[in-house]
């Protein structure tokens, strides 16, 4: 996060300031020692004057070379090491985090190989090690001064110092090109001495923070390795198994698909204008329907082909442009005819198609036990959603009391819900003995294949989608998993007319199994399905066992009222 990045950035800045502060301390100690020597010299001259010795004062002795002085802390830290040497040594220590303990002599040899135009001494190494030890960045063994432990912070300091030297080099090059070889005295003088050009304070280089931010954003080797492993694991988890691939191949379209895509530009004129071409694309287009009462200035109708008043509506409507040049599809069809290609049965998939069956009935009175057991149930109930609807509705108690459990022991139920029925539908699933395991969402589009913004349902917000709850009951291991998606994007048609894509989803989920649809209408009848509803055209049954059970319960075929008890005439004779 941004806060974590700023905290890390602040830590690195403190480390760099700490390194610069050490050089200031070294210069301060050196200045302090020089002042002490001058004070002792002044005291000796005063004593000589008081003793009456008339002789010139002795000059202050010059400080001895560092090599001849005992290597106590004050003497060692008086030496100044070039930043380049210190940066290279820190890089060596960062690379040797796991190679401790380290001896200083081999470390000096490795350091010398990295310095092309400079020469480092063992004294330089001692000075840097003492400095790092004082900052608790390394641990030195007593007596031998070998490195026994290296802190992980050395890695951050090394990278930051290396970047600082690069910035200093760039600054020197810019200053040299501009003729400005001298930096401001108040920024480059510490303790009366001019700092070396490479030791530029952090606050004088604003872009340094940006560079450090870029360095912190670079993933480490461990992070990159972990990310690569995670991506490989995710790829393996998303890959289809052999069984899943075989299952998907069962439902691939046989032959050539005649499905065509709609052009997003709408009409051919808009398509040519958008593509700046004299010819429209090969996708499906629309034609404006302009009647005598149409006012073009009003624009498109909000409901388009679902408008209830197309004969009088003054807005613009559309119809599909049937004229198109499908040369590519026709050529493929000719190639298939030449090869005498035929659609072969899919291995492992039942290809027998049972004609559509339906029963006009009132589900409140129909004895569902006479229909047998089904693997899949789909229902679009007439929920009472407290809105004016063009069909009758059922109360919440009537929905809960429906004998749905007698239709199924093991399988799935697909229950369409909307508005307040979303909570009621979940309650009904629990009452009927189902566990909600999934949910299909139908995103509604209009005739021009654009999202609907003026839906006819919704109390506060216009509804542009519907939900289909999926419940499971009993053992469902024999059904196909992971074949389809849970989102349907398709065009709205008549009121309460659900998308045909739901039948394909269910068929691929349960191929060749018995299926029943409740509260269906004539447009809902499908092959391999039994449809029940009070708006169907009579009774049409094909399955002999189903016909025998139904007409045994309803001899006259009337299932719109409770079944009448028939009396045997022979038993009625006394």
Protein backbone atom coordinates (compact mmCIF):
# COMPACT_ATOMS: atom_id res chain seq x y z
CA UNK A 1 0.00 0.00 0.00
CA UNK A 2 0.98 3.65 -0.21
CA UNK A 3 1.44 3.99 3.59
CA UNK A 4 3.74 0.94 3.71
CA UNK A 5 5.75 2.31 0.80
CA UNK A 6 6.17 5.68 2.53
CA UNK A 7 7.30 3.98 5.76
CA UNK A 8 9.92 1.94 3.89
CA UNK A 9 10.99 5.07 2.04
CA UNK A 10 11.44 6.89 5.35
CA UNK A 11 13.56 4.04 6.78
CA UNK A 12 15.91 4.10 3.79
CA UNK A 13 16.23 7.88 4.04
CA UNK A 14 17.13 7.57 7.72
CA UNK A 15 19.80 4.98 6.85
CA UNK A 16 21.33 7.30 4.25
CA UNK A 17 21.27 10.24 6.68
CA UNK A 18 22.91 8.02 9.28
CA UNK A 19 25.76 7.27 6.86
CA UNK A 20 26.22 11.00 6.10
CA UNK A 21 26.05 11.81 9.82
CA UNK A 22 28.98 9.47 10.48
CA UNK A 23 31.22 11.52 8.22
CA UNK A 24 30.16 14.65 10.10
CA UNK A 25 31.08 12.96 13.41
CA UNK A 26 34.50 12.00 12.04
CA UNK A 27 35.23 15.57 11.00
CA UNK A 28 33.97 16.88 14.34
CA UNK A 29 36.29 14.55 16.26
CA UNK A 30 39.21 15.59 14.10
CA UNK A 31 38.46 19.26 14.73
CA UNK A 32 38.06 18.60 18.44
CA UNK A 33 41.45 16.87 18.62
CA UNK A 34 43.12 19.79 16.82
CA UNK A 35 41.61 22.26 19.29
CA UNK A 36 42.83 20.14 22.23
CA UNK A 37 46.39 20.20 20.80
CA UNK A 38 46.25 23.99 20.49
CA UNK A 39 44.97 24.28 24.06
CA UNK A 40 47.84 22.13 25.43
CA UNK A 41 50.36 24.18 23.45
CA UNK A 42 48.96 27.41 24.88
CA UNK A 43 49.18 26.01 28.41
CA UNK A 44 52.86 25.07 27.90
CA UNK A 45 53.68 28.59 26.64
CA UNK A 46 51.94 30.14 29.65
CA UNK A 47 53.90 27.97 32.09
CA UNK A 48 57.15 28.92 30.35
CA UNK A 49 56.27 32.62 30.56
CA UNK A 50 55.46 32.39 34.25
CA UNK A 51 58.76 30.57 34.91
CA UNK A 52 60.58 33.52 33.41
CA UNK A 53 61.99 31.63 30.54
CA UNK A 54 62.64 34.09 27.81
CA UNK A 55 62.43 31.97 24.78
CA UNK A 56 60.19 31.76 21.86
CA UNK A 57 57.21 29.50 22.19
CA UNK A 58 57.59 26.10 20.73
CA UNK A 59 55.45 25.43 17.69
CA UNK A 60 52.64 22.94 18.08
CA UNK A 61 53.74 19.46 17.13
CA UNK A 62 52.27 18.17 13.89
CA UNK A 63 49.91 15.25 14.26
CA UNK A 64 51.66 11.91 13.64
CA UNK A 65 50.61 9.74 10.71
CA UNK A 66 47.75 7.40 11.25
CA UNK A 67 49.94 4.32 10.76
CA UNK A 68 52.13 5.11 13.79
CA UNK A 69 49.32 5.79 16.21
CA UNK A 70 47.61 3.14 18.29
CA UNK A 71 44.44 1.94 16.73
CA UNK A 72 42.04 3.18 19.32
CA UNK A 73 38.59 4.35 18.30
CA UNK A 74 39.41 8.06 18.02
CA UNK A 75 42.47 7.47 15.83
CA UNK A 76 40.78 5.02 13.43
CA UNK A 77 37.68 7.11 12.93
CA UNK A 78 39.84 10.13 12.15
CA UNK A 79 40.54 8.61 8.76
CA UNK A 80 38.13 9.37 5.94
CA UNK A 81 37.34 6.64 3.41
CA UNK A 82 36.25 7.43 -0.12
CA UNK A 83 32.52 6.84 -0.70
CA UNK A 84 33.25 4.59 -3.69
CA UNK A 85 35.33 2.22 -1.54
CA UNK A 86 32.65 2.21 1.15
CA UNK A 87 29.91 1.52 -1.41
CA UNK A 88 31.81 -1.42 -2.95
CA UNK A 89 32.53 -2.90 0.50
CA UNK A 90 28.86 -2.61 1.50
CA UNK A 91 27.88 -4.41 -1.72
CA UNK A 92 30.33 -7.22 -0.85
CA UNK A 93 28.87 -7.52 2.63
CA UNK A 94 25.32 -7.59 1.21
CA UNK A 95 26.29 -10.46 -1.09
CA UNK A 96 27.91 -12.31 1.82
CA UNK A 97 24.95 -12.30 4.22
CA UNK A 98 24.90 -16.09 4.37
CA UNK A 99 28.68 -16.60 4.20
CA UNK A 100 29.62 -15.42 7.70
CA UNK A 101 32.07 -15.56 9.43
CA UNK A 102 34.26 -13.45 7.14
CA UNK A 103 37.94 -12.56 7.45
CA UNK A 104 39.04 -9.05 6.58
CA UNK A 105 42.09 -10.01 4.45
CA UNK A 106 40.13 -12.09 1.87
CA UNK A 107 37.45 -9.39 1.96
CA UNK A 108 40.11 -6.77 1.08
CA UNK A 109 41.28 -8.84 -1.91
CA UNK A 110 37.70 -9.13 -3.25
CA UNK A 111 37.26 -5.42 -2.71
CA UNK A 112 40.44 -4.61 -4.63
CA UNK A 113 39.23 -6.60 -7.66
CA UNK A 114 36.14 -4.39 -7.85
CA UNK A 115 38.11 -1.14 -7.63
CA UNK A 116 39.62 -0.39 -11.02
CA UNK A 117 41.12 3.07 -10.51
CA UNK A 118 41.49 3.13 -6.71
CA UNK A 119 43.43 1.21 -4.11
CA UNK A 120 41.99 0.24 -0.75
CA UNK A 121 44.04 -0.58 2.36
CA UNK A 122 43.35 -2.71 5.39
CA UNK A 123 43.00 0.52 7.34
CA UNK A 124 40.09 1.56 5.12
CA UNK A 125 38.40 -1.75 5.77
CA UNK A 126 38.96 -1.35 9.53
CA UNK A 127 37.45 2.15 9.51
CA UNK A 128 34.32 1.03 7.64
CA UNK A 129 33.89 -2.05 9.83
CA UNK A 130 34.21 0.00 13.01
CA UNK A 131 31.62 2.42 11.68
CA UNK A 132 29.19 -0.38 10.79
CA UNK A 133 29.81 -2.04 14.14
CA UNK A 134 28.99 1.20 15.97
CA UNK A 135 25.68 1.27 14.06
CA UNK A 136 24.92 -2.41 14.96
CA UNK A 137 25.01 -3.39 11.31
CA UNK A 138 27.86 -5.92 11.69
CA UNK A 139 29.31 -7.88 14.60
CA UNK A 140 33.13 -8.06 14.94
CA UNK A 141 34.86 -10.79 16.91
CA UNK A 142 37.04 -9.56 19.73
CA UNK A 143 40.78 -9.71 18.97
CA UNK A 144 40.62 -10.89 15.35
CA UNK A 145 38.11 -8.27 14.04
CA UNK A 146 36.55 -10.95 11.84
CA UNK A 147 32.90 -10.42 10.83
CA UNK A 148 30.67 -12.91 12.64
CA UNK A 149 27.27 -11.48 11.74
CA UNK A 150 25.84 -9.11 9.10
CA UNK A 151 22.46 -7.36 9.42
CA UNK A 152 20.01 -7.51 6.52
CA UNK A 153 19.82 -3.70 6.63
CA UNK A 154 23.22 -3.62 4.92
CA UNK A 155 21.49 -4.62 1.69
CA UNK A 156 19.22 -1.54 1.78
CA UNK A 157 22.09 0.78 2.70
CA UNK A 158 24.31 -0.60 -0.07
CA UNK A 159 21.66 -0.14 -2.76
CA UNK A 160 20.77 3.35 -1.50
CA UNK A 161 24.43 4.44 -1.34
CA UNK A 162 25.12 3.07 -4.81
CA UNK A 163 22.17 5.02 -6.18
CA UNK A 164 23.37 8.12 -4.34
CA UNK A 165 26.78 7.86 -6.02
CA UNK A 166 25.12 7.51 -9.42
CA UNK A 167 23.09 10.63 -8.79
CA UNK A 168 26.24 12.45 -7.68
CA UNK A 169 27.99 11.47 -10.92
CA UNK A 170 25.04 12.72 -12.96
CA UNK A 171 25.02 15.97 -10.98
CA UNK A 172 28.74 16.50 -11.55
CA UNK A 173 28.28 15.90 -15.28
CA UNK A 174 25.43 18.40 -15.44
CA UNK A 175 27.38 20.99 -13.45
CA UNK A 176 30.39 20.54 -15.67
CA UNK A 177 28.30 20.98 -18.81
CA UNK A 178 26.70 24.14 -17.45
CA UNK A 179 30.04 25.60 -16.28
CA UNK A 180 28.87 25.55 -12.68
CA UNK A 181 31.61 23.53 -10.96
CA UNK A 182 31.13 24.96 -7.48
CA UNK A 183 28.11 24.07 -5.37
CA UNK A 184 26.58 26.37 -2.78
CA UNK A 185 28.87 26.84 0.26
CA UNK A 186 26.08 26.54 2.79
CA UNK A 187 25.11 23.15 1.39
CA UNK A 188 28.59 21.66 0.80
CA UNK A 189 30.64 22.91 3.80
CA UNK A 190 30.69 20.87 6.99
CA UNK A 191 32.94 21.93 9.90
CA UNK A 192 34.77 24.55 7.82
CA UNK A 193 35.86 22.01 5.20
CA UNK A 194 34.44 21.58 1.75
CA UNK A 195 32.70 18.24 1.23
CA UNK A 196 33.68 16.10 -1.67
CA UNK A 197 31.38 16.42 -4.66
CA UNK A 198 30.18 12.82 -4.25
CA UNK A 199 28.84 13.54 -0.74
CA UNK A 200 25.76 15.58 -1.66
CA UNK A 201 23.21 15.85 1.18
CA UNK A 202 19.89 14.06 0.72
CA UNK A 203 17.79 17.21 0.99
CA UNK A 204 19.60 18.87 -1.98
CA UNK A 205 18.47 16.10 -4.36
CA UNK A 206 14.71 15.99 -4.67
CA UNK A 207 14.54 13.26 -7.35
CA UNK A 208 16.34 10.85 -5.01
CA UNK A 209 13.07 9.96 -3.27
CA UNK A 210 11.53 9.08 -6.59
CA UNK A 211 14.49 6.85 -7.42
CA UNK A 212 14.24 5.13 -4.04
CA UNK A 213 10.51 4.62 -4.64
CA UNK A 214 11.28 2.92 -7.94
CA UNK A 215 13.88 0.73 -6.24
CA UNK A 216 11.39 -0.29 -3.54
CA UNK A 217 8.80 -1.18 -6.17
CA UNK A 218 11.16 -3.68 -7.83
CA UNK A 219 10.30 -7.18 -6.54
CA UNK A 220 13.03 -9.11 -4.82
CA UNK A 221 14.26 -12.49 -6.06
CA UNK A 222 12.18 -14.25 -3.44
CA UNK A 223 9.04 -12.27 -4.34
CA UNK A 224 9.54 -12.94 -8.05
CA UNK A 225 10.04 -16.65 -7.39
CA UNK A 226 6.96 -16.80 -5.15
CA UNK A 227 4.88 -14.98 -7.75
CA UNK A 228 6.03 -17.34 -10.48
CA UNK A 229 5.11 -20.36 -8.36
CA UNK A 230 1.67 -18.86 -7.63
CA UNK A 231 1.04 -18.26 -11.33
CA UNK A 232 2.04 -21.83 -12.16
CA UNK A 233 -0.27 -23.21 -9.45
CA UNK A 234 -3.13 -21.00 -10.67
CA UNK A 235 -2.55 -22.16 -14.24
CA UNK A 236 -2.66 -25.79 -13.14
CA UNK A 237 -5.87 -25.23 -11.17
CA UNK A 238 -7.55 -23.50 -14.13
CA UNK A 239 -6.50 -26.13 -16.65
CA UNK A 240 -9.25 -28.55 -17.66
CA UNK A 241 -8.80 -32.19 -16.74
CA UNK A 242 -9.04 -34.91 -19.37
CA UNK A 243 -12.49 -35.88 -18.11
CA UNK A 244 -13.71 -32.28 -18.25
CA UNK A 245 -12.33 -31.83 -21.77
CA UNK A 246 -14.05 -35.00 -22.94
CA UNK A 247 -17.25 -33.74 -21.35
CA UNK A 248 -16.98 -30.40 -23.16
CA UNK A 249 -16.33 -32.10 -26.51
CA UNK A 250 -19.66 -33.90 -26.21
CA UNK A 251 -21.56 -30.63 -26.54
CA UNK A 252 -19.63 -29.01 -29.37
CA UNK A 253 -21.77 -27.97 -32.32
CA UNK A 254 -21.84 -30.47 -35.17
CA UNK A 255 -21.45 -29.09 -38.69
CA UNK A 256 -21.53 -25.31 -39.32
CA UNK A 257 -23.17 -22.85 -36.97
CA UNK A 258 -25.67 -20.42 -38.51
CA UNK A 259 -25.50 -18.04 -35.56
CA UNK A 260 -24.48 -14.53 -36.63
CA UNK A 261 -23.28 -11.58 -34.59
CA UNK A 262 -25.09 -8.24 -34.51
CA UNK A 263 -23.20 -5.13 -35.57
CA UNK A 264 -22.74 -2.68 -32.69
CA UNK A 265 -23.40 0.26 -35.01
CA UNK A 266 -27.02 -0.75 -35.65
CA UNK A 267 -27.94 0.13 -39.22
CA UNK A 268 -25.85 -0.24 -42.37
CA UNK A 269 -25.62 3.54 -42.80
CA UNK A 270 -24.17 3.99 -39.30
CA UNK A 271 -21.80 1.05 -39.90
CA UNK A 272 -20.42 2.60 -43.11
CA UNK A 273 -20.12 5.98 -41.42
CA UNK A 274 -18.31 4.55 -38.38
CA UNK A 275 -15.89 2.47 -40.48
CA UNK A 276 -15.45 5.21 -43.11
CA UNK A 277 -16.11 2.67 -45.81
CA UNK A 278 -18.45 2.42 -48.76
CA UNK A 279 -19.50 -1.08 -47.70
CA UNK A 280 -20.99 -2.29 -44.42
CA UNK A 281 -19.59 -5.27 -42.47
CA UNK A 282 -20.93 -8.84 -42.78
CA UNK A 283 -22.67 -8.80 -39.39
CA UNK A 284 -26.42 -8.49 -38.88
CA UNK A 285 -27.88 -4.97 -39.14
CA UNK A 286 -31.24 -3.33 -38.48
CA UNK A 287 -33.61 -1.22 -40.61
CA UNK A 288 -35.55 1.73 -39.22
CA UNK A 289 -39.31 1.23 -39.37
CA UNK A 290 -40.74 4.62 -40.34
CA UNK A 291 -44.55 4.78 -40.43
CA UNK A 292 -46.91 7.68 -41.19
CA UNK A 293 -47.28 8.59 -37.52
CA UNK A 294 -43.52 8.29 -36.75
CA UNK A 295 -41.73 11.44 -35.63
CA UNK A 296 -37.97 10.98 -36.28
CA UNK A 297 -37.07 13.92 -34.07
CA UNK A 298 -38.27 11.99 -30.99
CA UNK A 299 -35.61 9.32 -31.46
CA UNK A 300 -35.82 5.61 -30.70
CA UNK A 301 -38.60 4.01 -28.67
CA UNK A 302 -37.48 2.92 -25.22
CA UNK A 303 -39.21 -0.47 -25.54
CA UNK A 304 -38.49 -1.03 -29.28
CA UNK A 305 -39.98 -4.40 -30.33
CA UNK A 306 -41.59 -4.95 -26.90
CA UNK A 307 -43.67 -1.78 -27.23
CA UNK A 308 -47.39 -2.43 -26.61
CA UNK A 309 -48.50 0.37 -28.97
CA UNK A 310 -46.45 -0.04 -32.13
CA UNK A 311 -49.45 0.93 -34.28
CA UNK A 312 -49.65 4.38 -32.69
CA UNK A 313 -46.20 4.92 -31.14
CA UNK A 314 -44.52 8.01 -32.62
CA UNK A 315 -40.99 6.89 -31.76
CA UNK A 316 -38.65 5.08 -34.18
CA UNK A 317 -38.75 1.27 -34.22
CA UNK A 318 -36.51 -1.29 -35.92
CA UNK A 319 -36.55 -4.65 -37.64
CA UNK A 320 -33.76 -7.03 -38.66
CA UNK A 321 -32.19 -6.47 -42.07
CA UNK A 322 -32.53 -9.89 -43.70
CA UNK A 323 -30.35 -9.02 -46.73
CA UNK A 324 -26.76 -10.12 -46.24
CA UNK A 325 -23.94 -11.69 -48.20
CA UNK A 326 -22.85 -14.84 -46.41
CA UNK A 327 -20.39 -16.17 -49.00
CA UNK A 328 -18.04 -17.64 -46.41
CA UNK A 329 -20.74 -19.84 -44.84
CA UNK A 330 -22.07 -20.92 -48.24
CA UNK A 331 -18.58 -21.96 -49.37
CA UNK A 332 -18.13 -24.08 -46.23
CA UNK A 333 -21.51 -25.74 -46.83
CA UNK A 334 -20.48 -26.62 -50.39
CA UNK A 335 -17.23 -28.13 -49.11
CA UNK A 336 -19.13 -30.30 -46.64
CA UNK A 337 -21.48 -31.51 -49.36
CA UNK A 338 -18.52 -32.48 -51.52
CA UNK A 339 -17.03 -34.54 -48.70
CA UNK A 340 -20.45 -36.11 -47.99
CA UNK A 341 -20.14 -35.08 -44.37
CA UNK A 342 -22.77 -36.33 -41.96
CA UNK A 343 -23.45 -35.54 -38.32
CA UNK A 344 -22.45 -38.58 -36.29
CA UNK A 345 -23.84 -39.48 -32.86
CA UNK A 346 -21.70 -38.18 -30.01
CA UNK A 347 -20.02 -40.97 -28.05
CA UNK A 348 -21.38 -41.28 -24.51
CA UNK A 349 -24.30 -38.86 -25.05
CA UNK A 350 -27.92 -39.88 -25.48
CA UNK A 351 -29.04 -38.62 -28.89
CA UNK A 352 -32.68 -39.79 -28.68
CA UNK A 353 -35.01 -36.80 -28.74
CA UNK A 354 -38.43 -37.15 -27.13
CA UNK A 355 -41.05 -34.78 -28.59
CA UNK A 356 -42.36 -32.00 -26.41
CA UNK A 357 -45.08 -33.00 -23.92
CA UNK A 358 -47.43 -30.76 -21.96
CA UNK A 359 -50.48 -30.80 -19.71
CA UNK A 360 -52.83 -27.85 -19.27
CA UNK A 361 -53.40 -27.90 -15.53
CA UNK A 362 -53.73 -25.90 -12.33
CA UNK A 363 -50.76 -26.83 -10.19
CA UNK A 364 -52.73 -26.17 -7.03
CA UNK A 365 -54.98 -29.15 -7.84
CA UNK A 366 -52.83 -31.40 -10.04
CA UNK A 367 -51.67 -34.64 -8.43
CA UNK A 368 -47.94 -34.47 -9.22
CA UNK A 369 -47.31 -38.03 -8.00
CA UNK A 370 -48.90 -39.36 -11.19
CA UNK A 371 -46.08 -37.82 -13.28
CA UNK A 372 -43.22 -39.79 -11.71
CA UNK A 373 -39.72 -38.57 -10.77
CA UNK A 374 -37.61 -36.00 -12.66
CA UNK A 375 -33.92 -35.12 -12.61
CA UNK A 376 -34.38 -31.39 -13.29
CA UNK A 377 -37.24 -29.05 -12.39
CA UNK A 378 -37.58 -25.51 -13.71
CA UNK A 379 -40.26 -23.12 -12.48
CA UNK A 380 -41.22 -19.54 -13.28
CA UNK A 381 -43.92 -19.02 -10.63
CA UNK A 382 -46.45 -16.18 -10.75
CA UNK A 383 -45.04 -14.51 -7.65
CA UNK A 384 -47.07 -11.81 -5.96
CA UNK A 385 -44.51 -9.00 -6.28
CA UNK A 386 -47.06 -6.26 -5.38
CA UNK A 387 -47.17 -4.86 -8.90
CA UNK A 388 -49.79 -4.77 -11.64
CA UNK A 389 -49.16 -7.77 -13.90
CA UNK A 390 -50.92 -9.12 -17.02
CA UNK A 391 -51.49 -12.54 -15.40
CA UNK A 392 -52.84 -13.99 -12.16
CA UNK A 393 -50.57 -14.53 -9.18
CA UNK A 394 -50.33 -16.95 -6.26
CA UNK A 395 -49.97 -16.02 -2.62
CA UNK A 396 -46.85 -16.77 -0.60
CA UNK A 397 -48.60 -19.56 1.35
CA UNK A 398 -49.82 -21.23 -1.85
CA UNK A 399 -46.23 -21.24 -3.14
CA UNK A 400 -44.88 -22.83 0.03
CA UNK A 401 -47.57 -25.55 0.00
CA UNK A 402 -46.87 -26.71 -3.56
CA UNK A 403 -46.00 -30.47 -3.51
CA UNK A 404 -42.67 -29.97 -5.28
CA UNK A 405 -40.81 -32.61 -3.19
CA UNK A 406 -42.84 -35.48 -4.73
CA UNK A 407 -41.35 -34.73 -8.18
CA UNK A 408 -37.73 -35.36 -7.29
CA UNK A 409 -35.43 -37.38 -5.06
CA UNK A 410 -32.04 -36.49 -6.55
CA UNK A 411 -31.42 -33.56 -8.85
CA UNK A 412 -31.62 -29.82 -9.39
CA UNK A 413 -34.32 -27.16 -9.39
CA UNK A 414 -34.09 -23.88 -11.33
CA UNK A 415 -36.34 -21.26 -9.74
CA UNK A 416 -36.86 -17.85 -11.43
CA UNK A 417 -37.25 -14.98 -8.96
CA UNK A 418 -37.48 -11.19 -9.14
CA UNK A 419 -38.11 -8.30 -6.77
CA UNK A 420 -39.33 -9.33 -3.34
CA UNK A 421 -39.56 -12.94 -4.51
CA UNK A 422 -35.77 -13.30 -4.21
CA UNK A 423 -36.05 -13.80 -0.45
CA UNK A 424 -39.28 -15.79 -0.76
CA UNK A 425 -37.69 -18.07 -3.36
CA UNK A 426 -34.83 -18.94 -1.02
CA UNK A 427 -37.36 -19.67 1.71
CA UNK A 428 -39.36 -21.94 -0.60
CA UNK A 429 -36.24 -23.88 -1.57
CA UNK A 430 -35.56 -24.60 2.09
CA UNK A 431 -39.19 -25.63 2.70
CA UNK A 432 -39.13 -27.98 -0.31
CA UNK A 433 -35.91 -29.63 0.90
CA UNK A 434 -33.32 -28.01 -1.39
CA UNK A 435 -29.99 -26.36 -0.74
CA UNK A 436 -29.22 -23.29 -2.85
CA UNK A 437 -25.93 -24.07 -4.61
CA UNK A 438 -25.80 -21.56 -7.49
CA UNK A 439 -27.51 -18.66 -9.23
CA UNK A 440 -27.95 -17.80 -12.90
CA UNK A 441 -28.23 -14.11 -13.85
CA UNK A 442 -30.04 -12.99 -16.98
CA UNK A 443 -28.79 -9.58 -18.15
CA UNK A 444 -31.49 -8.14 -20.38
CA UNK A 445 -30.80 -6.38 -23.67
CA UNK A 446 -33.14 -4.66 -26.07
CA UNK A 447 -33.73 -5.30 -29.78
CA UNK A 448 -30.53 -3.42 -30.71
CA UNK A 449 -28.55 -5.66 -28.32
CA UNK A 450 -27.96 -2.84 -25.85
CA UNK A 451 -28.57 -2.92 -22.09
CA UNK A 452 -32.15 -2.19 -21.08
CA UNK A 453 -32.55 1.02 -19.06
CA UNK A 454 -36.36 1.22 -18.94
CA UNK A 455 -37.46 -2.12 -17.55
CA UNK A 456 -41.12 -2.55 -16.62
CA UNK A 457 -40.34 -3.99 -13.17
CA UNK A 458 -38.76 -2.44 -10.11
CA UNK A 459 -40.21 -0.23 -7.37
CA UNK A 460 -37.33 2.25 -7.12
CA UNK A 461 -34.81 1.28 -9.79
CA UNK A 462 -35.66 -0.13 -13.21
CA UNK A 463 -34.71 -3.79 -13.33
CA UNK A 464 -32.34 -4.78 -16.12
CA UNK A 465 -31.76 -8.35 -14.96
CA UNK A 466 -33.43 -11.40 -13.44
CA UNK A 467 -32.16 -14.17 -11.21
CA UNK A 468 -32.64 -17.92 -11.37
CA UNK A 469 -31.86 -19.72 -8.10
CA UNK A 470 -30.33 -23.17 -8.46
CA UNK A 471 -31.08 -25.69 -5.71
CA UNK A 472 -29.71 -29.21 -5.25
CA UNK A 473 -31.26 -32.21 -3.54
CA UNK A 474 -29.93 -35.68 -2.81
CA UNK A 475 -27.07 -37.23 -4.80
CA UNK A 476 -26.04 -35.11 -7.80
CA UNK A 477 -22.72 -36.74 -8.70
CA UNK A 478 -24.02 -37.97 -12.08
CA UNK A 479 -24.52 -34.42 -13.40
CA UNK A 480 -21.94 -32.51 -15.47
CA UNK A 481 -19.90 -29.84 -13.71
CA UNK A 482 -18.21 -26.70 -15.06
CA UNK A 483 -19.69 -26.80 -18.57
CA UNK A 484 -21.49 -23.44 -18.69
CA UNK A 485 -21.31 -19.93 -17.27
CA UNK A 486 -23.82 -18.45 -14.80
CA UNK A 487 -24.53 -15.30 -16.85
CA UNK A 488 -26.96 -15.04 -19.78
CA UNK A 489 -26.96 -11.87 -21.90
CA UNK A 490 -29.83 -11.92 -24.35
CA UNK A 491 -32.76 -9.99 -25.73
CA UNK A 492 -36.06 -9.40 -23.93
CA UNK A 493 -39.18 -10.71 -25.64
CA UNK A 494 -42.78 -11.01 -24.40
CA UNK A 495 -43.72 -10.52 -20.77
CA UNK A 496 -42.36 -13.33 -18.57
CA UNK A 497 -40.73 -14.98 -21.61
CA UNK A 498 -37.47 -16.37 -20.27
CA UNK A 499 -34.37 -16.80 -22.49
CA UNK A 500 -34.07 -20.01 -24.50
CA UNK A 501 -30.39 -20.27 -23.46
CA UNK A 502 -31.48 -21.67 -20.09
CA UNK A 503 -32.67 -24.86 -21.79
CA UNK A 504 -29.24 -25.40 -23.34
CA UNK A 505 -27.56 -24.90 -19.98
CA UNK A 506 -29.85 -27.45 -18.33
CA UNK A 507 -29.51 -29.95 -21.19
CA UNK A 508 -25.71 -29.86 -20.95
CA UNK A 509 -25.96 -30.20 -17.17
CA UNK A 510 -28.27 -33.23 -17.37
CA UNK A 511 -28.16 -34.73 -20.88
CA UNK A 512 -30.80 -37.37 -21.62
CA UNK A 513 -32.48 -37.06 -18.18
CA UNK A 514 -36.16 -36.39 -17.41
CA UNK A 515 -37.01 -32.70 -17.08
CA UNK A 516 -40.19 -30.85 -16.15
CA UNK A 517 -41.14 -27.17 -16.30
CA UNK A 518 -43.80 -25.69 -14.03
CA UNK A 519 -45.96 -22.64 -14.82
CA UNK A 520 -45.01 -22.82 -18.50
CA UNK A 521 -46.84 -21.42 -21.53
CA UNK A 522 -47.06 -22.60 -25.10
CA UNK A 523 -43.81 -20.92 -26.10
CA UNK A 524 -42.01 -22.87 -23.35
CA UNK A 525 -42.67 -26.38 -24.68
CA UNK A 526 -39.36 -28.07 -25.58
CA UNK A 527 -38.24 -31.54 -26.72
CA UNK A 528 -37.23 -33.81 -23.83
CA UNK A 529 -39.36 -31.68 -21.48
CA UNK A 530 -42.77 -32.06 -19.83
CA UNK A 531 -44.45 -28.65 -19.39
CA UNK A 532 -47.25 -27.86 -16.90
CA UNK A 533 -49.32 -24.66 -16.85
CA UNK A 534 -52.82 -23.25 -17.09
CA UNK A 535 -52.18 -21.45 -20.43
CA UNK A 536 -51.28 -24.51 -22.52
CA UNK A 537 -53.28 -26.03 -25.39
CA UNK A 538 -54.89 -29.11 -23.85
CA UNK A 539 -52.87 -32.26 -23.17
CA UNK A 540 -50.17 -33.77 -25.35
CA UNK A 541 -48.36 -36.82 -23.96
CA UNK A 542 -46.09 -39.22 -25.86
CA UNK A 543 -44.57 -41.40 -23.16
CA UNK A 544 -46.84 -44.44 -22.71
CA UNK A 545 -46.22 -44.84 -18.99
CA UNK A 546 -46.89 -41.16 -18.38
CA UNK A 547 -50.11 -41.32 -20.42
CA UNK A 548 -51.27 -44.37 -18.50
CA UNK A 549 -50.64 -42.77 -15.11
CA UNK A 550 -52.16 -39.40 -16.02
CA UNK A 551 -55.34 -40.70 -17.66
CA UNK A 552 -55.73 -43.22 -14.86
CA UNK A 553 -55.98 -40.27 -12.50
CA UNK A 554 -57.81 -37.90 -14.89
CA UNK A 555 -59.90 -39.98 -17.32
CA UNK A 556 -61.36 -36.88 -19.00
CA UNK A 557 -57.95 -35.18 -19.21
CA UNK A 558 -59.18 -32.19 -17.19
CA UNK A 559 -56.51 -31.22 -14.66
CA UNK A 560 -57.79 -27.70 -14.00
CA UNK A 561 -59.69 -28.87 -10.91
CA UNK A 562 -59.22 -31.55 -8.25
CA UNK A 563 -59.49 -35.11 -9.54
CA UNK A 564 -63.03 -36.52 -9.13
CA UNK A 565 -63.44 -39.85 -7.42
CA UNK A 566 -64.92 -42.30 -9.94
CA UNK A 567 -67.18 -45.08 -8.66
CA UNK A 568 -67.22 -48.55 -10.24
CA UNK A 569 -70.77 -49.13 -11.61
CA UNK A 570 -70.73 -52.80 -10.58
CA UNK A 571 -70.07 -51.86 -6.96
CA UNK A 572 -72.93 -49.34 -7.03
CA UNK A 573 -75.58 -52.06 -7.74
CA UNK A 574 -77.26 -53.29 -4.59
